[in-house]
Amino acid sequence: MSAREELQMHLSQALSRTDDAEVQAYLHAALESAEALPPTPLVECPVCGKVGLPERIEMHDC
């Protein structure tokens, strides 16, 4: 899961757990901001050449 996907998941879960209208408004705004973030550039593994999200390439096994 990318950092963006994780952020959206946490915000969505928080939104589903509150009944406070003001908190919901802030969470909706945060989700919209997260969706408007520029795309994460793909990187290449210097060892095997596999291409993917930086956090996934950093953790993959060549």
C-alpha atoms as a PDB file:
ATOM      1  CA  MET A   1       0.000   0.000   0.000  1.00  0.00           C
ATOM      2  CA  SER A   2       1.426   3.388  -0.955  1.00  0.00           C
ATOM      3  CA  ALA A   3       1.675   6.244   1.527  1.00  0.00           C
ATOM      4  CA  ARG A   4      -1.132   8.035  -0.339  1.00  0.00           C
ATOM      5  CA  GLU A   5      -3.384   4.969  -0.165  1.00  0.00           C
ATOM      6  CA  GLU A   6      -2.638   4.582   3.536  1.00  0.00           C
ATOM      7  CA  LEU A   7      -3.451   8.237   4.208  1.00  0.00           C
ATOM      8  CA  GLN A   8      -6.742   7.967   2.326  1.00  0.00           C
ATOM      9  CA  MET A   9      -7.606   4.762   4.211  1.00  0.00           C
ATOM     10  CA  HIS A  10      -6.992   6.372   7.609  1.00  0.00           C
ATOM     11  CA  LEU A  11      -8.955   9.489   6.718  1.00  0.00           C
ATOM     12  CA  SER A  12     -11.852   7.395   5.399  1.00  0.00           C
ATOM     13  CA  GLN A  13     -11.879   5.262   8.532  1.00  0.00           C
ATOM     14  CA  ALA A  14     -11.866   8.362  10.742  1.00  0.00           C
ATOM     15  CA  LEU A  15     -14.722   9.810   8.686  1.00  0.00           C
ATOM     16  CA  SER A  16     -16.780   6.655   9.147  1.00  0.00           C
ATOM     17  CA  ARG A  17     -16.291   6.746  12.925  1.00  0.00           C
ATOM     18  CA  THR A  18     -17.488  10.269  13.711  1.00  0.00           C
ATOM     19  CA  ASP A  19     -20.933  11.808  13.861  1.00  0.00           C
ATOM     20  CA  ASP A  20     -19.658  15.342  14.472  1.00  0.00           C
ATOM     21  CA  ALA A  21     -20.492  17.471  11.411  1.00  0.00           C
ATOM     22  CA  GLU A  22     -17.523  19.797  11.934  1.00  0.00           C
ATOM     23  CA  VAL A  23     -15.070  16.885  12.152  1.00  0.00           C
ATOM     24  CA  GLN A  24     -16.645  15.322   9.050  1.00  0.00           C
ATOM     25  CA  ALA A  25     -16.150  18.578   7.150  1.00  0.00           C
ATOM     26  CA  TYR A  26     -12.452  18.665   8.097  1.00  0.00           C
ATOM     27  CA  LEU A  27     -11.992  15.018   7.125  1.00  0.00           C
ATOM     28  CA  HIS A  28     -13.720  15.542   3.765  1.00  0.00           C
ATOM     29  CA  ALA A  29     -11.412  18.503   3.116  1.00  0.00           C
ATOM     30  CA  ALA A  30      -8.381  16.396   4.074  1.00  0.00           C
ATOM     31  CA  LEU A  31      -9.472  13.604   1.700  1.00  0.00           C
ATOM     32  CA  GLU A  32      -9.915  16.111  -1.135  1.00  0.00           C
ATOM     33  CA  SER A  33      -6.446  17.509  -0.430  1.00  0.00           C
ATOM     34  CA  ALA A  34      -4.949  14.016  -0.412  1.00  0.00           C
ATOM     35  CA  GLU A  35      -6.588  13.244  -3.771  1.00  0.00           C
ATOM     36  CA  ALA A  36      -5.189  16.494  -5.220  1.00  0.00           C
ATOM     37  CA  LEU A  37      -1.575  15.618  -4.332  1.00  0.00           C
ATOM     38  CA  PRO A  38       0.708  15.187  -7.326  1.00  0.00           C
ATOM     39  CA  PRO A  39       1.397  11.589  -8.336  1.00  0.00           C
ATOM     40  CA  THR A  40       4.307   9.807  -6.713  1.00  0.00           C
ATOM     41  CA  PRO A  41       7.086   9.289  -9.258  1.00  0.00           C
ATOM     42  CA  LEU A  42       8.137   5.733  -9.959  1.00  0.00           C
ATOM     43  CA  VAL A  43      11.713   4.708  -9.224  1.00  0.00           C
ATOM     44  CA  GLU A  44      13.942   1.961 -10.534  1.00  0.00           C
ATOM     45  CA  CYS A  45      15.802  -0.523  -8.317  1.00  0.00           C
ATOM     46  CA  PRO A  46      19.527   0.038  -8.882  1.00  0.00           C
ATOM     47  CA  VAL A  47      20.193  -3.704  -8.441  1.00  0.00           C
ATOM     48  CA  CYS A  48      17.572  -5.490 -10.552  1.00  0.00           C
ATOM     49  CA  GLY A  49      15.917  -2.696 -12.543  1.00  0.00           C
ATOM     50  CA  LYS A  50      12.384  -3.312 -11.237  1.00  0.00           C
ATOM     51  CA  VAL A  51      10.244  -0.139 -11.391  1.00  0.00           C
ATOM     52  CA  GLY A  52       7.630   0.877  -8.835  1.00  0.00           C
ATOM     53  CA  LEU A  53       6.660   3.198  -6.017  1.00  0.00           C
ATOM     54  CA  PRO A  54       9.652   4.291  -3.917  1.00  0.00           C
ATOM     55  CA  GLU A  55       8.411   2.661  -0.707  1.00  0.00           C
ATOM     56  CA  ARG A  56       7.740  -0.639  -2.496  1.00  0.00           C
ATOM     57  CA  ILE A  57      11.074  -0.710  -4.335  1.00  0.00           C
ATOM     58  CA  GLU A  58      12.859   0.061  -1.071  1.00  0.00           C
ATOM     59  CA  MET A  59      11.286  -3.036   0.545  1.00  0.00           C
ATOM     60  CA  HIS A  60      11.223  -5.545  -2.352  1.00  0.00           C
ATOM     61  CA  ASP A  61      13.461  -8.573  -2.689  1.00  0.00           C
ATOM     62  CA  CYS A  62      15.483  -8.652  -5.910  1.00  0.00           C
END
